[in-house]
Amino acid sequence: MLIRLEHIEKTYGTPDRPVPVLHDVNFTMEEGAYCAIMGPSGSGKSTLMNLLGYLDTPTAGTYYFEDVDNSRASDAEMAKIRNEKIGFVFQSFHLLPQRKAWENVALPLLYGNVPKKERRARAEQALCEVGLEDRMDFFPTQLSGGQCQRVAIARAICMRPKLLLADEPTGALDSKSGQQIMDIFDKLHARGMSIIMITHELAVAERASRMLHIYDGCLSGGDAQ
């Protein structure tokens, strides 16, 4: 089992004015699975993604990743897990405009203390995997939105993570570019990558092999299939 969430709760605010966001969330996912989590704005899906990606910790409950309980991990421990085991793809790309495509891809490798020569080779390999072998030395301002998202995917996979988390990865793209991005996710899954896709688009969610729904902080369909 790659992921197991047990009775996860997340509450913001203060003790006298709590703002509950997630309610008794239970979720299991096998390694190599492709899951889509759907929900409207304000449903708690982004909060859930932050917890799954070790960007935040639960108020209550237990999060097992590779059968290890990291529910109360320190900031340093969470940063290590994020760098080594989880790749992120966001709607807004989050590329550094002053860095070339391959340099953006290589950033996680730099933080992971991978030797310089290997960083360049692995960044180039990742860009080839997303079809950008002819754009390695381009800056983000010289790329289309779809190409920028492909750079972001290459950056997410260059550390060879256990889990790829995608938050509305087609939300800022036209339909043709969005289709190309989803084709890349299909290929990554076929290769054995574990993927969780956060989306509000049914057509995107239907590309996954398993679909879950979150409403008002409650997740349905969380048991492994």
Protein backbone atom coordinates (compact mmCIF):
# COMPACT_ATOMS: atom_id res chain seq x y z
CA MET A 1 0.00 0.00 0.00
CA LEU A 2 1.43 3.37 -1.03
CA ILE A 3 -1.01 5.63 0.85
CA ARG A 4 -3.32 5.10 3.79
CA LEU A 5 -5.26 7.92 5.44
CA GLU A 6 -7.17 7.03 8.60
CA HIS A 7 -9.78 9.38 10.08
CA ILE A 8 -8.04 12.51 8.86
CA GLU A 9 -9.35 15.84 10.15
CA LYS A 10 -8.12 19.32 9.27
CA THR A 11 -9.26 22.43 11.09
CA TYR A 12 -8.03 25.98 10.65
CA GLY A 13 -8.80 29.08 12.69
CA THR A 14 -8.48 29.41 16.47
CA PRO A 15 -9.74 27.20 19.32
CA ASP A 16 -12.63 29.58 19.97
CA ARG A 17 -13.38 30.00 16.25
CA PRO A 18 -12.47 26.74 14.52
CA VAL A 19 -12.94 26.35 10.76
CA PRO A 20 -13.23 22.62 9.97
CA VAL A 21 -12.21 21.76 6.40
CA LEU A 22 -11.74 17.96 6.26
CA HIS A 23 -13.98 15.53 8.14
CA ASP A 24 -13.05 11.91 8.91
CA VAL A 25 -11.27 11.33 5.59
CA ASN A 26 -10.27 7.72 4.89
CA PHE A 27 -8.35 6.80 1.77
CA THR A 28 -6.15 3.96 0.56
CA MET A 29 -4.18 3.74 -2.67
CA GLU A 30 -2.03 0.97 -4.07
CA GLU A 31 1.31 1.71 -5.71
CA GLY A 32 0.87 2.24 -9.46
CA ALA A 33 -2.74 3.43 -9.18
CA TYR A 34 -4.17 6.44 -11.01
CA CYS A 35 -6.80 8.27 -8.94
CA ALA A 36 -8.81 11.40 -9.68
CA ILE A 37 -10.35 13.44 -6.88
CA MET A 38 -13.20 15.68 -7.98
CA GLY A 39 -14.88 18.46 -6.08
CA PRO A 40 -16.17 22.03 -6.46
CA SER A 41 -14.38 25.10 -5.16
CA GLY A 42 -14.29 25.13 -1.37
CA SER A 43 -14.84 21.37 -1.08
CA GLY A 44 -11.49 20.74 0.59
CA LYS A 45 -9.69 19.13 -2.35
CA SER A 46 -6.74 21.53 -2.25
CA THR A 47 -6.39 21.03 1.50
CA LEU A 48 -6.41 17.28 0.95
CA MET A 49 -3.72 17.60 -1.73
CA ASN A 50 -1.58 19.67 0.63
CA LEU A 51 -1.81 16.91 3.23
CA LEU A 52 -1.07 14.16 0.69
CA GLY A 53 1.94 16.13 -0.55
CA TYR A 54 3.34 16.87 2.91
CA LEU A 55 2.77 20.59 2.47
CA ASP A 56 0.68 20.51 5.65
CA THR A 57 -0.11 18.20 8.57
CA PRO A 58 -3.51 16.93 9.74
CA THR A 59 -5.18 18.21 12.90
CA ALA A 60 -6.13 14.63 13.74
CA GLY A 61 -5.86 11.20 12.17
CA THR A 62 -2.99 9.22 10.67
CA TYR A 63 -1.23 9.39 7.30
CA TYR A 64 0.80 6.35 6.27
CA PHE A 65 3.07 6.71 3.24
CA GLU A 66 4.76 3.46 2.22
CA ASP A 67 3.48 2.05 5.54
CA VAL A 68 5.33 4.72 7.55
CA ASP A 69 3.34 7.07 9.79
CA ASN A 70 4.53 10.60 9.02
CA SER A 71 1.43 12.36 10.33
CA ARG A 72 3.41 14.54 12.71
CA ALA A 73 6.59 14.93 10.66
CA SER A 74 8.75 17.99 11.22
CA ASP A 75 9.19 20.63 8.52
CA ALA A 76 12.60 19.18 7.65
CA GLU A 77 11.21 15.65 7.43
CA MET A 78 8.34 16.79 5.22
CA ALA A 79 10.73 18.68 2.94
CA LYS A 80 12.84 15.54 2.52
CA ILE A 81 9.77 13.43 1.63
CA ARG A 82 8.57 16.05 -0.87
CA ASN A 83 11.93 16.26 -2.57
CA GLU A 84 12.65 12.54 -2.77
CA LYS A 85 9.26 10.85 -3.10
CA ILE A 86 6.61 13.26 -4.42
CA GLY A 87 6.39 15.19 -7.67
CA PHE A 88 4.04 18.17 -8.01
CA VAL A 89 2.31 19.62 -11.06
CA PHE A 90 0.27 22.80 -10.53
CA GLN A 91 -2.13 24.76 -12.71
CA SER A 92 0.19 27.79 -12.77
CA PHE A 93 3.40 25.92 -13.72
CA HIS A 94 5.59 27.76 -11.14
CA LEU A 95 8.60 28.01 -13.46
CA LEU A 96 11.45 30.45 -12.87
CA PRO A 97 11.39 32.86 -15.85
CA GLN A 98 15.13 33.56 -15.71
CA ARG A 99 16.04 29.85 -15.94
CA LYS A 100 16.09 27.74 -19.11
CA ALA A 101 13.76 24.77 -19.41
CA TRP A 102 16.40 22.22 -18.41
CA GLU A 103 17.50 24.41 -15.47
CA ASN A 104 13.91 24.56 -14.18
CA VAL A 105 13.66 20.79 -14.45
CA ALA A 106 16.97 20.31 -12.64
CA LEU A 107 15.99 22.35 -9.55
CA PRO A 108 14.74 19.38 -7.47
CA LEU A 109 17.94 17.54 -8.36
CA LEU A 110 19.96 20.51 -7.08
CA TYR A 111 18.05 20.48 -3.79
CA GLY A 112 18.57 16.72 -3.65
CA ASN A 113 22.36 17.14 -3.91
CA VAL A 114 22.58 15.26 -7.21
CA PRO A 115 25.98 15.92 -8.89
CA LYS A 116 25.95 18.69 -11.52
CA LYS A 117 26.75 16.46 -14.52
CA GLU A 118 24.01 14.01 -13.58
CA ARG A 119 21.54 16.87 -13.03
CA ARG A 120 21.86 18.01 -16.63
CA ALA A 121 21.59 14.47 -18.01
CA ARG A 122 18.50 13.62 -15.95
CA ALA A 123 16.84 16.94 -16.75
CA GLU A 124 17.38 16.36 -20.47
CA GLN A 125 16.02 12.82 -20.19
CA ALA A 126 12.87 14.07 -18.44
CA LEU A 127 12.32 16.74 -21.11
CA CYS A 128 12.67 14.10 -23.82
CA GLU A 129 10.00 12.04 -22.05
CA VAL A 130 7.51 14.91 -22.39
CA GLY A 131 8.47 15.69 -26.00
CA LEU A 132 10.55 18.84 -25.44
CA GLU A 133 13.95 17.63 -26.62
CA ASP A 134 14.10 20.64 -28.97
CA ARG A 135 13.22 23.20 -26.28
CA MET A 136 15.76 22.47 -23.55
CA ASP A 137 17.52 25.83 -23.78
CA PHE A 138 14.35 27.90 -24.13
CA PHE A 139 13.17 30.21 -21.36
CA PRO A 140 9.55 29.93 -20.10
CA THR A 141 8.66 33.21 -21.86
CA GLN A 142 9.61 31.54 -25.15
CA LEU A 143 7.27 28.60 -24.59
CA SER A 144 3.53 28.13 -24.97
CA GLY A 145 1.34 27.34 -21.97
CA GLY A 146 1.21 23.67 -22.90
CA GLN A 147 4.99 23.53 -23.28
CA CYS A 148 5.44 25.23 -19.88
CA GLN A 149 3.22 22.58 -18.32
CA ARG A 150 5.33 19.88 -19.96
CA VAL A 151 8.43 21.44 -18.40
CA ALA A 152 6.62 21.36 -15.05
CA ILE A 153 5.82 17.65 -15.52
CA ALA A 154 9.45 16.94 -16.43
CA ARG A 155 10.52 18.73 -13.25
CA ALA A 156 8.05 16.65 -11.24
CA ILE A 157 9.34 13.31 -12.55
CA CYS A 158 13.09 14.01 -12.68
CA MET A 159 13.60 12.79 -9.08
CA ARG A 160 11.78 9.56 -10.01
CA PRO A 161 9.15 10.03 -7.30
CA LYS A 162 6.87 7.40 -5.82
CA LEU A 163 3.83 9.67 -6.26
CA LEU A 164 2.85 12.34 -8.78
CA LEU A 165 0.35 14.91 -7.49
CA ALA A 166 -1.37 17.08 -10.10
CA ASP A 167 -3.59 20.00 -9.08
CA GLU A 168 -5.81 21.14 -12.00
CA PRO A 169 -2.94 20.61 -14.49
CA THR A 170 -5.09 21.53 -17.52
CA GLY A 171 -6.95 24.42 -15.90
CA ALA A 172 -4.90 27.17 -17.61
CA LEU A 173 -4.67 25.47 -21.02
CA ASP A 174 -6.73 25.34 -24.20
CA SER A 175 -8.46 22.07 -25.02
CA LYS A 176 -5.79 20.82 -27.46
CA SER A 177 -2.93 21.51 -25.06
CA GLY A 178 -4.93 19.98 -22.21
CA GLN A 179 -5.43 16.81 -24.24
CA GLN A 180 -1.69 16.57 -24.87
CA ILE A 181 -0.96 16.97 -21.15
CA MET A 182 -3.45 14.24 -20.25
CA ASP A 183 -1.85 11.96 -22.84
CA ILE A 184 1.46 12.41 -21.01
CA PHE A 185 -0.16 11.43 -17.70
CA ASP A 186 -1.61 8.33 -19.38
CA LYS A 187 1.87 7.33 -20.57
CA LEU A 188 3.39 7.93 -17.14
CA HIS A 189 0.72 5.75 -15.54
CA ALA A 190 1.22 3.01 -18.13
CA ARG A 191 4.89 3.07 -17.14
CA GLY A 192 3.95 2.40 -13.50
CA MET A 193 3.76 5.92 -12.02
CA SER A 194 1.33 6.42 -9.11
CA ILE A 195 -0.81 9.50 -9.84
CA ILE A 196 -3.40 11.53 -7.94
CA MET A 197 -5.20 14.09 -10.08
CA ILE A 198 -7.13 16.90 -8.37
CA THR A 199 -9.71 18.34 -10.77
CA HIS A 200 -13.21 19.69 -11.21
CA GLU A 201 -13.40 18.58 -14.86
CA LEU A 202 -15.20 15.29 -15.49
CA ALA A 203 -13.40 14.68 -18.81
CA VAL A 204 -10.05 14.93 -17.00
CA ALA A 205 -11.16 12.71 -14.10
CA GLU A 206 -12.43 10.03 -16.46
CA ARG A 207 -8.88 9.48 -17.73
CA ALA A 208 -8.01 8.00 -14.33
CA SER A 209 -8.72 4.39 -13.42
CA ARG A 210 -10.44 5.39 -10.18
CA MET A 211 -12.58 8.43 -9.37
CA LEU A 212 -13.35 9.87 -5.94
CA HIS A 213 -15.49 12.84 -4.89
CA ILE A 214 -15.08 15.35 -2.10
CA TYR A 215 -17.90 17.59 -0.88
CA ASP A 216 -17.84 19.83 2.19
CA GLY A 217 -14.67 18.14 3.39
CA CYS A 218 -16.04 14.58 3.16
CA LEU A 219 -14.40 12.11 0.75
CA SER A 220 -16.40 9.33 -0.87
CA GLY A 221 -14.94 6.28 -2.58
CA GLY A 222 -11.72 6.35 -0.57
CA ASP A 223 -11.30 2.59 -0.09
CA ALA A 224 -8.86 0.87 -2.47
CA GLN A 225 -10.38 -0.87 -5.47
